[in-house]
Amino acid sequence: MPFFLVCTDLDFTIELGLTEDAQKRMQWQLLRLQDEGNLAAFGSKLSTELSKAFPELIDWDLKAPTPAQFALAKSLSLQFAMDIPQAARESRSEMHKFIAEQSARIRAKKAT
């Protein structure tokens, strides 16, 4: 019994390669839910567990900036009296670019 992850907004479906044992046990769980009708509680539990796993599945550059990146960016933004761009606040790769650009400005300033 295959299991799928579906995103209707993006019209995207991916088959989950669960082990045979995991598929069997999930099937048992779903059959129990059909009989007992406690789907909302299971859906909530499944959402909680997937929310814990998803951050680890996201590519590095799509993750939120690290606390260390934010600290360095704040220091740099204060030195140049500028705001941290919104894109940098949302994306680790954009924050990396912002930090690299401001660090280059500091090096150029010291070189003159």
PDB file of N, CA and C in Angstrom:
ATOM      1  N   MET A   1       0.852  -1.177   0.000  1.00  0.00           N
ATOM      2  CA  MET A   1       0.000   0.000   0.000  1.00  0.00           C
ATOM      3  C   MET A   1       0.892   1.232   0.000  1.00  0.00           C
ATOM      4  N   PRO A   2       1.010   1.914  -1.105  1.00  0.00           N
ATOM      5  CA  PRO A   2       1.881   3.089  -1.164  1.00  0.00           C
ATOM      6  C   PRO A   2       1.292   4.278  -0.391  1.00  0.00           C
ATOM      7  N   PHE A   3       2.191   5.114   0.121  1.00  0.00           N
ATOM      8  CA  PHE A   3       1.799   6.345   0.799  1.00  0.00           C
ATOM      9  C   PHE A   3       2.387   7.515   0.033  1.00  0.00           C
ATOM     10  N   PHE A   4       1.638   8.615   0.000  1.00  0.00           N
ATOM     11  CA  PHE A   4       2.043   9.780  -0.781  1.00  0.00           C
ATOM     12  C   PHE A   4       1.964  11.037   0.069  1.00  0.00           C
ATOM     13  N   LEU A   5       2.840  11.973  -0.237  1.00  0.00           N
ATOM     14  CA  LEU A   5       2.795  13.315   0.315  1.00  0.00           C
ATOM     15  C   LEU A   5       2.284  14.195  -0.817  1.00  0.00           C
ATOM     16  N   VAL A   6       1.208  14.927  -0.573  1.00  0.00           N
ATOM     17  CA  VAL A   6       0.553  15.702  -1.622  1.00  0.00           C
ATOM     18  C   VAL A   6       0.494  17.170  -1.226  1.00  0.00           C
ATOM     19  N   CYS A   7       0.851  18.038  -2.159  1.00  0.00           N
ATOM     20  CA  CYS A   7       0.677  19.482  -1.984  1.00  0.00           C
ATOM     21  C   CYS A   7      -0.253  19.951  -3.096  1.00  0.00           C
ATOM     22  N   THR A   8      -1.503  20.202  -2.745  1.00  0.00           N
ATOM     23  CA  THR A   8      -2.490  20.576  -3.758  1.00  0.00           C
ATOM     24  C   THR A   8      -2.211  21.957  -4.349  1.00  0.00           C
ATOM     25  N   ASP A   9      -1.639  22.874  -3.569  1.00  0.00           N
ATOM     26  CA  ASP A   9      -1.335  24.218  -4.080  1.00  0.00           C
ATOM     27  C   ASP A   9      -0.332  24.174  -5.224  1.00  0.00           C
ATOM     28  N   LEU A  10       0.607  23.261  -5.157  1.00  0.00           N
ATOM     29  CA  LEU A  10       1.642  23.150  -6.182  1.00  0.00           C
ATOM     30  C   LEU A  10       1.376  22.022  -7.178  1.00  0.00           C
ATOM     31  N   ASP A  11       0.262  21.324  -6.999  1.00  0.00           N
ATOM     32  CA  ASP A  11      -0.065  20.164  -7.827  1.00  0.00           C
ATOM     33  C   ASP A  11       1.131  19.210  -7.861  1.00  0.00           C
ATOM     34  N   PHE A  12       1.602  18.857  -6.654  1.00  0.00           N
ATOM     35  CA  PHE A  12       2.817  18.053  -6.501  1.00  0.00           C
ATOM     36  C   PHE A  12       2.526  16.855  -5.615  1.00  0.00           C
ATOM     37  N   THR A  13       2.979  15.696  -6.056  1.00  0.00           N
ATOM     38  CA  THR A  13       2.822  14.465  -5.285  1.00  0.00           C
ATOM     39  C   THR A  13       4.134  13.707  -5.297  1.00  0.00           C
ATOM     40  N   ILE A  14       4.514  13.183  -4.142  1.00  0.00           N
ATOM     41  CA  ILE A  14       5.712  12.359  -4.060  1.00  0.00           C
ATOM     42  C   ILE A  14       5.375  11.102  -3.271  1.00  0.00           C
ATOM     43  N   GLU A  15       5.819   9.967  -3.790  1.00  0.00           N
ATOM     44  CA  GLU A  15       5.576   8.711  -3.100  1.00  0.00           C
ATOM     45  C   GLU A  15       6.613   8.544  -1.996  1.00  0.00           C
ATOM     46  N   LEU A  16       6.140   8.163  -0.818  1.00  0.00           N
ATOM     47  CA  LEU A  16       7.032   7.934   0.318  1.00  0.00           C
ATOM     48  C   LEU A  16       7.494   6.483   0.290  1.00  0.00           C
ATOM     49  N   GLY A  17       8.773   6.270   0.290  1.00  0.00           N
ATOM     50  CA  GLY A  17       9.334   4.926   0.242  1.00  0.00           C
ATOM     51  C   GLY A  17       9.426   4.309   1.623  1.00  0.00           C
ATOM     52  N   LEU A  18       8.284   4.035   2.213  1.00  0.00           N
ATOM     53  CA  LEU A  18       8.268   3.434   3.542  1.00  0.00           C
ATOM     54  C   LEU A  18       8.648   1.964   3.458  1.00  0.00           C
ATOM     55  N   THR A  19       9.237   1.462   4.524  1.00  0.00           N
ATOM     56  CA  THR A  19       9.544   0.031   4.574  1.00  0.00           C
ATOM     57  C   THR A  19       8.227  -0.751   4.574  1.00  0.00           C
ATOM     58  N   GLU A  20       8.337  -2.020   4.234  1.00  0.00           N
ATOM     59  CA  GLU A  20       7.131  -2.859   4.238  1.00  0.00           C
ATOM     60  C   GLU A  20       6.502  -2.902   5.626  1.00  0.00           C
ATOM     61  N   ASP A  21       7.340  -2.976   6.647  1.00  0.00           N
ATOM     62  CA  ASP A  21       6.822  -3.001   8.011  1.00  0.00           C
ATOM     63  C   ASP A  21       6.094  -1.700   8.348  1.00  0.00           C
ATOM     64  N   ALA A  22       6.687  -0.579   7.984  1.00  0.00           N
ATOM     65  CA  ALA A  22       6.056   0.713   8.262  1.00  0.00           C
ATOM     66  C   ALA A  22       4.731   0.844   7.507  1.00  0.00           C
ATOM     67  N   GLN A  23       4.713   0.396   6.261  1.00  0.00           N
ATOM     68  CA  GLN A  23       3.466   0.453   5.489  1.00  0.00           C
ATOM     69  C   GLN A  23       2.383  -0.405   6.138  1.00  0.00           C
ATOM     70  N   LYS A  24       2.765  -1.608   6.567  1.00  0.00           N
ATOM     71  CA  LYS A  24       1.808  -2.520   7.186  1.00  0.00           C
ATOM     72  C   LYS A  24       1.239  -1.904   8.463  1.00  0.00           C
ATOM     73  N   ARG A  25       2.123  -1.348   9.292  1.00  0.00           N
ATOM     74  CA  ARG A  25       1.653  -0.777  10.561  1.00  0.00           C
ATOM     75  C   ARG A  25       0.819   0.485  10.348  1.00  0.00           C
ATOM     76  N   MET A  26       1.189   1.276   9.355  1.00  0.00           N
ATOM     77  CA  MET A  26       0.392   2.467   9.047  1.00  0.00           C
ATOM     78  C   MET A  26      -0.985   2.056   8.519  1.00  0.00           C
ATOM     79  N   GLN A  27      -1.020   1.005   7.722  1.00  0.00           N
ATOM     80  CA  GLN A  27      -2.298   0.509   7.225  1.00  0.00           C
ATOM     81  C   GLN A  27      -3.180   0.070   8.393  1.00  0.00           C
ATOM     82  N   TRP A  28      -2.599  -0.645   9.349  1.00  0.00           N
ATOM     83  CA  TRP A  28      -3.356  -1.051  10.538  1.00  0.00           C
ATOM     84  C   TRP A  28      -3.890   0.171  11.285  1.00  0.00           C
ATOM     85  N   GLN A  29      -3.031   1.179  11.407  1.00  0.00           N
ATOM     86  CA  GLN A  29      -3.439   2.394  12.114  1.00  0.00           C
ATOM     87  C   GLN A  29      -4.604   3.070  11.400  1.00  0.00           C
ATOM     88  N   LEU A  30      -4.512   3.158  10.075  1.00  0.00           N
ATOM     89  CA  LEU A  30      -5.572   3.813   9.309  1.00  0.00           C
ATOM     90  C   LEU A  30      -6.876   3.019   9.370  1.00  0.00           C
ATOM     91  N   LEU A  31      -6.784   1.708   9.343  1.00  0.00           N
ATOM     92  CA  LEU A  31      -7.985   0.886   9.485  1.00  0.00           C
ATOM     93  C   LEU A  31      -8.631   1.097  10.852  1.00  0.00           C
ATOM     94  N   ARG A  32      -7.806   1.184  11.886  1.00  0.00           N
ATOM     95  CA  ARG A  32      -8.326   1.456  13.227  1.00  0.00           C
ATOM     96  C   ARG A  32      -9.014   2.822  13.262  1.00  0.00           C
ATOM     97  N   LEU A  33      -8.392   3.803  12.618  1.00  0.00           N
ATOM     98  CA  LEU A  33      -8.986   5.137  12.598  1.00  0.00           C
ATOM     99  C   LEU A  33     -10.324   5.143  11.870  1.00  0.00           C
ATOM    100  N   GLN A  34     -10.415   4.376  10.789  1.00  0.00           N
ATOM    101  CA  GLN A  34     -11.685   4.289  10.077  1.00  0.00           C
ATOM    102  C   GLN A  34     -12.762   3.682  10.967  1.00  0.00           C
ATOM    103  N   ASP A  35     -12.394   2.675  11.736  1.00  0.00           N
ATOM    104  CA  ASP A  35     -13.368   2.009  12.612  1.00  0.00           C
ATOM    105  C   ASP A  35     -13.750   2.878  13.801  1.00  0.00           C
ATOM    106  N   GLU A  36     -12.767   3.538  14.406  1.00  0.00           N
ATOM    107  CA  GLU A  36     -13.012   4.298  15.634  1.00  0.00           C
ATOM    108  C   GLU A  36     -13.352   5.760  15.375  1.00  0.00           C
ATOM    109  N   GLY A  37     -12.995   6.271  14.205  1.00  0.00           N
ATOM    110  CA  GLY A  37     -13.360   7.640  13.844  1.00  0.00           C
ATOM    111  C   GLY A  37     -12.590   8.736  14.563  1.00  0.00           C
ATOM    112  N   ASN A  38     -11.375   8.471  15.023  1.00  0.00           N
ATOM    113  CA  ASN A  38     -10.592   9.484  15.730  1.00  0.00           C
ATOM    114  C   ASN A  38      -9.520  10.070  14.808  1.00  0.00           C
ATOM    115  N   LEU A  39      -9.909  10.423  13.611  1.00  0.00           N
ATOM    116  CA  LEU A  39      -8.976  10.894  12.597  1.00  0.00           C
ATOM    117  C   LEU A  39      -8.347  12.249  12.956  1.00  0.00           C
ATOM    118  N   ALA A  40      -9.104  13.133  13.573  1.00  0.00           N
ATOM    119  CA  ALA A  40      -8.579  14.468  13.901  1.00  0.00           C
ATOM    120  C   ALA A  40      -7.393  14.384  14.849  1.00  0.00           C
ATOM    121  N   ALA A  41      -7.488  13.546  15.868  1.00  0.00           N
ATOM    122  CA  ALA A  41      -6.384  13.415  16.832  1.00  0.00           C
ATOM    123  C   ALA A  41      -5.152  12.839  16.148  1.00  0.00           C
ATOM    124  N   PHE A  42      -5.346  11.831  15.292  1.00  0.00           N
ATOM    125  CA  PHE A  42      -4.210  11.250  14.582  1.00  0.00           C
ATOM    126  C   PHE A  42      -3.604  12.271  13.621  1.00  0.00           C
ATOM    127  N   GLY A  43      -4.449  13.024  12.923  1.00  0.00           N
ATOM    128  CA  GLY A  43      -3.961  14.059  12.009  1.00  0.00           C
ATOM    129  C   GLY A  43      -3.135  15.099  12.737  1.00  0.00           C
ATOM    130  N   SER A  44      -3.578  15.466  13.923  1.00  0.00           N
ATOM    131  CA  SER A  44      -2.833  16.427  14.735  1.00  0.00           C
ATOM    132  C   SER A  44      -1.484  15.854  15.160  1.00  0.00           C
ATOM    133  N   LYS A  45      -1.475  14.613  15.586  1.00  0.00           N
ATOM    134  CA  LYS A  45      -0.226  13.962  16.002  1.00  0.00           C
ATOM    135  C   LYS A  45       0.731  13.818  14.822  1.00  0.00           C
ATOM    136  N   LEU A  46       0.207  13.416  13.675  1.00  0.00           N
ATOM    137  CA  LEU A  46       1.028  13.276  12.477  1.00  0.00           C
ATOM    138  C   LEU A  46       1.613  14.630  12.063  1.00  0.00           C
ATOM    139  N   SER A  47       0.806  15.675  12.120  1.00  0.00           N
ATOM    140  CA  SER A  47       1.291  17.017  11.793  1.00  0.00           C
ATOM    141  C   SER A  47       2.420  17.452  12.712  1.00  0.00           C
ATOM    142  N   THR A  48       2.271  17.176  13.994  1.00  0.00           N
ATOM    143  CA  THR A  48       3.300  17.533  14.967  1.00  0.00           C
ATOM    144  C   THR A  48       4.610  16.822  14.661  1.00  0.00           C
ATOM    145  N   GLU A  49       4.530  15.532  14.383  1.00  0.00           N
ATOM    146  CA  GLU A  49       5.748  14.758  14.115  1.00  0.00           C
ATOM    147  C   GLU A  49       6.396  15.156  12.792  1.00  0.00           C
ATOM    148  N   LEU A  50       5.608  15.403  11.763  1.00  0.00           N
ATOM    149  CA  LEU A  50       6.171  15.830  10.478  1.00  0.00           C
ATOM    150  C   LEU A  50       6.794  17.225  10.578  1.00  0.00           C
ATOM    151  N   SER A  51       6.183  18.077  11.388  1.00  0.00           N
ATOM    152  CA  SER A  51       6.743  19.423  11.579  1.00  0.00           C
ATOM    153  C   SER A  51       8.126  19.374  12.205  1.00  0.00           C
ATOM    154  N   LYS A  52       8.385  18.363  12.995  1.00  0.00           N
ATOM    155  CA  LYS A  52       9.718  18.187  13.592  1.00  0.00           C
ATOM    156  C   LYS A  52      10.719  17.702  12.544  1.00  0.00           C
ATOM    157  N   ALA A  53      10.268  16.867  11.621  1.00  0.00           N
ATOM    158  CA  ALA A  53      11.166  16.266  10.628  1.00  0.00           C
ATOM    159  C   ALA A  53      11.441  17.192   9.441  1.00  0.00           C
ATOM    160  N   PHE A  54      10.482  17.972   9.027  1.00  0.00           N
ATOM    161  CA  PHE A  54      10.635  18.773   7.811  1.00  0.00           C
ATOM    162  C   PHE A  54      11.827  19.722   7.821  1.00  0.00           C
ATOM    163  N   PRO A  55      12.113  20.417   8.922  1.00  0.00           N
ATOM    164  CA  PRO A  55      13.275  21.319   8.887  1.00  0.00           C
ATOM    165  C   PRO A  55      14.581  20.626   8.518  1.00  0.00           C
ATOM    166  N   GLU A  56      14.721  19.370   8.897  1.00  0.00           N
ATOM    167  CA  GLU A  56      15.945  18.633   8.571  1.00  0.00           C
ATOM    168  C   GLU A  56      15.985  18.206   7.107  1.00  0.00           C
ATOM    169  N   LEU A  57      14.846  18.209   6.449  1.00  0.00           N
ATOM    170  CA  LEU A  57      14.764  17.779   5.051  1.00  0.00           C
ATOM    171  C   LEU A  57      15.002  18.915   4.063  1.00  0.00           C
ATOM    172  N   ILE A  58      14.887  20.137   4.532  1.00  0.00           N
ATOM    173  CA  ILE A  58      14.990  21.315   3.667  1.00  0.00           C
ATOM    174  C   ILE A  58      16.451  21.545   3.292  1.00  0.00           C
ATOM    175  N   ASP A  59      16.700  21.889   2.032  1.00  0.00           N
ATOM    176  CA  ASP A  59      18.058  22.211   1.582  1.00  0.00           C
ATOM    177  C   ASP A  59      18.631  23.357   2.416  1.00  0.00           C
ATOM    178  N   TRP A  60      19.944  23.343   2.598  1.00  0.00           N
ATOM    179  CA  TRP A  60      20.636  24.314   3.445  1.00  0.00           C
ATOM    180  C   TRP A  60      20.275  25.749   3.089  1.00  0.00           C
ATOM    181  N   ASP A  61      20.312  26.069   1.808  1.00  0.00           N
ATOM    182  CA  ASP A  61      20.112  27.456   1.403  1.00  0.00           C
ATOM    183  C   ASP A  61      18.672  27.939   1.575  1.00  0.00           C
ATOM    184  N   LEU A  62      17.722  27.035   1.740  1.00  0.00           N
ATOM    185  CA  LEU A  62      16.323  27.421   1.925  1.00  0.00           C
ATOM    186  C   LEU A  62      15.942  27.561   3.397  1.00  0.00           C
ATOM    187  N   LYS A  63      16.821  27.133   4.274  1.00  0.00           N
ATOM    188  CA  LYS A  63      16.534  27.232   5.706  1.00  0.00           C
ATOM    189  C   LYS A  63      16.610  28.681   6.166  1.00  0.00           C
ATOM    190  N   ALA A  64      16.026  28.936   7.319  1.00  0.00           N
ATOM    191  CA  ALA A  64      16.115  30.262   7.930  1.00  0.00           C
ATOM    192  C   ALA A  64      17.547  30.513   8.381  1.00  0.00           C
ATOM    193  N   PRO A  65      17.964  31.766   8.437  1.00  0.00           N
ATOM    194  CA  PRO A  65      19.317  32.073   8.905  1.00  0.00           C
ATOM    195  C   PRO A  65      19.548  31.567  10.335  1.00  0.00           C
ATOM    196  N   THR A  66      20.799  31.273  10.623  1.00  0.00           N
ATOM    197  CA  THR A  66      21.162  30.798  11.956  1.00  0.00           C
ATOM    198  C   THR A  66      21.236  31.971  12.929  1.00  0.00           C
ATOM    199  N   PRO A  67      21.159  31.698  14.219  1.00  0.00           N
ATOM    200  CA  PRO A  67      21.335  32.775  15.201  1.00  0.00           C
ATOM    201  C   PRO A  67      22.689  33.477  15.043  1.00  0.00           C
ATOM    202  N   ALA A  68      23.734  32.728  14.707  1.00  0.00           N
ATOM    203  CA  ALA A  68      25.052  33.341  14.517  1.00  0.00           C
ATOM    204  C   ALA A  68      25.039  34.277  13.311  1.00  0.00           C
ATOM    205  N   GLN A  69      24.369  33.882  12.239  1.00  0.00           N
ATOM    206  CA  GLN A  69      24.260  34.764  11.075  1.00  0.00           C
ATOM    207  C   GLN A  69      23.521  36.044  11.446  1.00  0.00           C
ATOM    208  N   PHE A  70      22.421  35.911  12.190  1.00  0.00           N
ATOM    209  CA  PHE A  70      21.669  37.099  12.604  1.00  0.00           C
ATOM    210  C   PHE A  70      22.527  38.024  13.461  1.00  0.00           C
ATOM    211  N   ALA A  71      23.296  37.466  14.364  1.00  0.00           N
ATOM    212  CA  ALA A  71      24.139  38.284  15.239  1.00  0.00           C
ATOM    213  C   ALA A  71      25.176  39.048  14.428  1.00  0.00           C
ATOM    214  N   LEU A  72      25.831  38.364  13.500  1.00  0.00           N
ATOM    215  CA  LEU A  72      26.828  39.028  12.667  1.00  0.00           C
ATOM    216  C   LEU A  72      26.179  40.070  11.764  1.00  0.00           C
ATOM    217  N   ALA A  73      25.044  39.738  11.180  1.00  0.00           N
ATOM    218  CA  ALA A  73      24.342  40.686  10.304  1.00  0.00           C
ATOM    219  C   ALA A  73      23.907  41.926  11.078  1.00  0.00           C
ATOM    220  N   LYS A  74      23.468  41.734  12.313  1.00  0.00           N
ATOM    221  CA  LYS A  74      23.065  42.885  13.135  1.00  0.00           C
ATOM    222  C   LYS A  74      24.260  43.786  13.400  1.00  0.00           C
ATOM    223  N   SER A  75      25.382  43.187  13.724  1.00  0.00           N
ATOM    224  CA  SER A  75      26.595  43.966  13.951  1.00  0.00           C
ATOM    225  C   SER A  75      26.988  44.746  12.695  1.00  0.00           C
ATOM    226  N   LEU A  76      26.958  44.076  11.566  1.00  0.00           N
ATOM    227  CA  LEU A  76      27.311  44.735  10.296  1.00  0.00           C
ATOM    228  C   LEU A  76      26.316  45.839   9.955  1.00  0.00           C
ATOM    229  N   SER A  77      25.041  45.580  10.167  1.00  0.00           N
ATOM    230  CA  SER A  77      24.035  46.590   9.830  1.00  0.00           C
ATOM    231  C   SER A  77      24.176  47.828  10.710  1.00  0.00           C
ATOM    232  N   LEU A  78      24.584  47.640  11.962  1.00  0.00           N
ATOM    233  CA  LEU A  78      24.812  48.784  12.844  1.00  0.00           C
ATOM    234  C   LEU A  78      26.029  49.591  12.394  1.00  0.00           C
ATOM    235  N   GLN A  79      27.069  48.901  11.952  1.00  0.00           N
ATOM    236  CA  GLN A  79      28.275  49.589  11.476  1.00  0.00           C
ATOM    237  C   GLN A  79      27.985  50.471  10.267  1.00  0.00           C
ATOM    238  N   PHE A  80      27.073  50.002   9.415  1.00  0.00           N
ATOM    239  CA  PHE A  80      26.771  50.756   8.191  1.00  0.00           C
ATOM    240  C   PHE A  80      25.437  51.485   8.268  1.00  0.00           C
ATOM    241  N   ALA A  81      24.825  51.511   9.454  1.00  0.00           N
ATOM    242  CA  ALA A  81      23.549  52.204   9.670  1.00  0.00           C
ATOM    243  C   ALA A  81      22.531  51.829   8.597  1.00  0.00           C
ATOM    244  N   MET A  82      22.324  50.536   8.465  1.00  0.00           N
ATOM    245  CA  MET A  82      21.373  50.050   7.473  1.00  0.00           C
ATOM    246  C   MET A  82      20.567  48.900   8.054  1.00  0.00           C
ATOM    247  N   ASP A  83      19.417  48.642   7.453  1.00  0.00           N
ATOM    248  CA  ASP A  83      18.583  47.516   7.873  1.00  0.00           C
ATOM    249  C   ASP A  83      19.051  46.235   7.198  1.00  0.00           C
ATOM    250  N   ILE A  84      18.791  45.143   7.848  1.00  0.00           N
ATOM    251  CA  ILE A  84      19.032  43.842   7.230  1.00  0.00           C
ATOM    252  C   ILE A  84      17.890  43.611   6.246  1.00  0.00           C
ATOM    253  N   PRO A  85      18.190  43.332   4.988  1.00  0.00           N
ATOM    254  CA  PRO A  85      17.118  43.132   3.999  1.00  0.00           C
ATOM    255  C   PRO A  85      16.180  41.992   4.394  1.00  0.00           C
ATOM    256  N   GLN A  86      14.916  42.132   4.029  1.00  0.00           N
ATOM    257  CA  GLN A  86      13.922  41.117   4.362  1.00  0.00           C
ATOM    258  C   GLN A  86      14.296  39.752   3.786  1.00  0.00           C
ATOM    259  N   ALA A  87      14.804  39.734   2.569  1.00  0.00           N
ATOM    260  CA  ALA A  87      15.202  38.459   1.954  1.00  0.00           C
ATOM    261  C   ALA A  87      16.274  37.773   2.792  1.00  0.00           C
ATOM    262  N   ALA A  88      17.187  38.548   3.353  1.00  0.00           N
ATOM    263  CA  ALA A  88      18.241  37.987   4.201  1.00  0.00           C
ATOM    264  C   ALA A  88      17.663  37.466   5.519  1.00  0.00           C
ATOM    265  N   ARG A  89      16.627  38.098   6.007  1.00  0.00           N
ATOM    266  CA  ARG A  89      15.987  37.650   7.248  1.00  0.00           C
ATOM    267  C   ARG A  89      15.271  36.309   7.069  1.00  0.00           C
ATOM    268  N   GLU A  90      14.921  35.975   5.831  1.00  0.00           N
ATOM    269  CA  GLU A  90      14.129  34.775   5.560  1.00  0.00           C
ATOM    270  C   GLU A  90      14.933  33.597   5.025  1.00  0.00           C
ATOM    271  N   SER A  91      16.108  33.845   4.476  1.00  0.00           N
ATOM    272  CA  SER A  91      16.840  32.787   3.779  1.00  0.00           C
ATOM    273  C   SER A  91      18.292  32.762   4.215  1.00  0.00           C
ATOM    274  N   ARG A  92      18.761  31.579   4.531  1.00  0.00           N
ATOM    275  CA  ARG A  92      20.151  31.412   4.937  1.00  0.00           C
ATOM    276  C   ARG A  92      21.110  31.833   3.823  1.00  0.00           C
ATOM    277  N   SER A  93      20.771  31.503   2.588  1.00  0.00           N
ATOM    278  CA  SER A  93      21.665  31.865   1.482  1.00  0.00           C
ATOM    279  C   SER A  93      21.671  33.374   1.246  1.00  0.00           C
ATOM    280  N   GLU A  94      20.516  34.016   1.368  1.00  0.00           N
ATOM    281  CA  GLU A  94      20.463  35.474   1.210  1.00  0.00           C
ATOM    282  C   GLU A  94      21.196  36.169   2.353  1.00  0.00           C
ATOM    283  N   MET A  95      21.108  35.610   3.545  1.00  0.00           N
ATOM    284  CA  MET A  95      21.846  36.168   4.685  1.00  0.00           C
ATOM    285  C   MET A  95      23.340  36.015   4.451  1.00  0.00           C
ATOM    286  N   HIS A  96      23.744  34.888   3.904  1.00  0.00           N
ATOM    287  CA  HIS A  96      25.152  34.664   3.588  1.00  0.00           C
ATOM    288  C   HIS A  96      25.644  35.727   2.599  1.00  0.00           C
ATOM    289  N   LYS A  97      24.845  36.018   1.578  1.00  0.00           N
ATOM    290  CA  LYS A  97      25.217  37.055   0.594  1.00  0.00           C
ATOM    291  C   LYS A  97      25.332  38.422   1.259  1.00  0.00           C
ATOM    292  N   PHE A  98      24.355  38.752   2.106  1.00  0.00           N
ATOM    293  CA  PHE A  98      24.380  40.036   2.796  1.00  0.00           C
ATOM    294  C   PHE A  98      25.644  40.171   3.646  1.00  0.00           C
ATOM    295  N   ILE A  99      25.952  39.138   4.406  1.00  0.00           N
ATOM    296  CA  ILE A  99      27.141  39.163   5.260  1.00  0.00           C
ATOM    297  C   ILE A  99      28.410  39.290   4.419  1.00  0.00           C
ATOM    298  N   ALA A 100      28.481  38.546   3.333  1.00  0.00           N
ATOM    299  CA  ALA A 100      29.661  38.600   2.461  1.00  0.00           C
ATOM    300  C   ALA A 100      29.840  39.995   1.867  1.00  0.00           C
ATOM    301  N   GLU A 101      28.745  40.595   1.423  1.00  0.00           N
ATOM    302  CA  GLU A 101      28.823  41.942   0.840  1.00  0.00           C
ATOM    303  C   GLU A 101      29.270  42.976   1.871  1.00  0.00           C
ATOM    304  N   GLN A 102      28.718  42.916   3.064  1.00  0.00           N
ATOM    305  CA  GLN A 102      29.073  43.898   4.090  1.00  0.00           C
ATOM    306  C   GLN A 102      30.485  43.663   4.602  1.00  0.00           C
ATOM    307  N   SER A 103      30.887  42.400   4.686  1.00  0.00           N
ATOM    308  CA  SER A 103      32.261  42.097   5.091  1.00  0.00           C
ATOM    309  C   SER A 103      33.257  42.616   4.059  1.00  0.00           C
ATOM    310  N   ALA A 104      32.901  42.514   2.793  1.00  0.00           N
ATOM    311  CA  ALA A 104      33.758  43.048   1.724  1.00  0.00           C
ATOM    312  C   ALA A 104      33.872  44.561   1.850  1.00  0.00           C
ATOM    313  N   ARG A 105      32.785  45.210   2.229  1.00  0.00           N
ATOM    314  CA  ARG A 105      32.827  46.667   2.432  1.00  0.00           C
ATOM    315  C   ARG A 105      33.798  47.027   3.552  1.00  0.00           C
ATOM    316  N   ILE A 106      33.795  46.249   4.610  1.00  0.00           N
ATOM    317  CA  ILE A 106      34.691  46.497   5.734  1.00  0.00           C
ATOM    318  C   ILE A 106      36.149  46.322   5.281  1.00  0.00           C
ATOM    319  N   ARG A 107      36.412  45.230   4.565  1.00  0.00           N
ATOM    320  CA  ARG A 107      37.783  44.995   4.070  1.00  0.00           C
ATOM    321  C   ARG A 107      38.238  46.106   3.142  1.00  0.00           C
ATOM    322  N   ALA A 108      37.349  46.556   2.272  1.00  0.00           N
ATOM    323  CA  ALA A 108      37.695  47.641   1.334  1.00  0.00           C
ATOM    324  C   ALA A 108      37.968  48.931   2.107  1.00  0.00           C
ATOM    325  N   LYS A 109      37.196  49.175   3.127  1.00  0.00           N
ATOM    326  CA  LYS A 109      37.357  50.384   3.949  1.00  0.00           C
ATOM    327  C   LYS A 109      38.703  50.360   4.674  1.00  0.00           C
ATOM    328  N   LYS A 110      39.085  49.185   5.182  1.00  0.00           N
ATOM    329  CA  LYS A 110      40.361  49.043   5.882  1.00  0.00           C
ATOM    330  C   LYS A 110      41.544  49.161   4.927  1.00  0.00           C
ATOM    331  N   ALA A 111      41.348  48.762   3.681  1.00  0.00           N
ATOM    332  CA  ALA A 111      42.429  48.781   2.693  1.00  0.00           C
ATOM    333  C   ALA A 111      42.751  50.204   2.227  1.00  0.00           C
ATOM    334  N   THR A 112      41.829  51.121   2.418  1.00  0.00           N
ATOM    335  CA  THR A 112      42.083  52.499   1.953  1.00  0.00           C
ATOM    336  C   THR A 112      42.660  53.365   3.031  1.00  0.00           C
TER     337      THR A 112
END
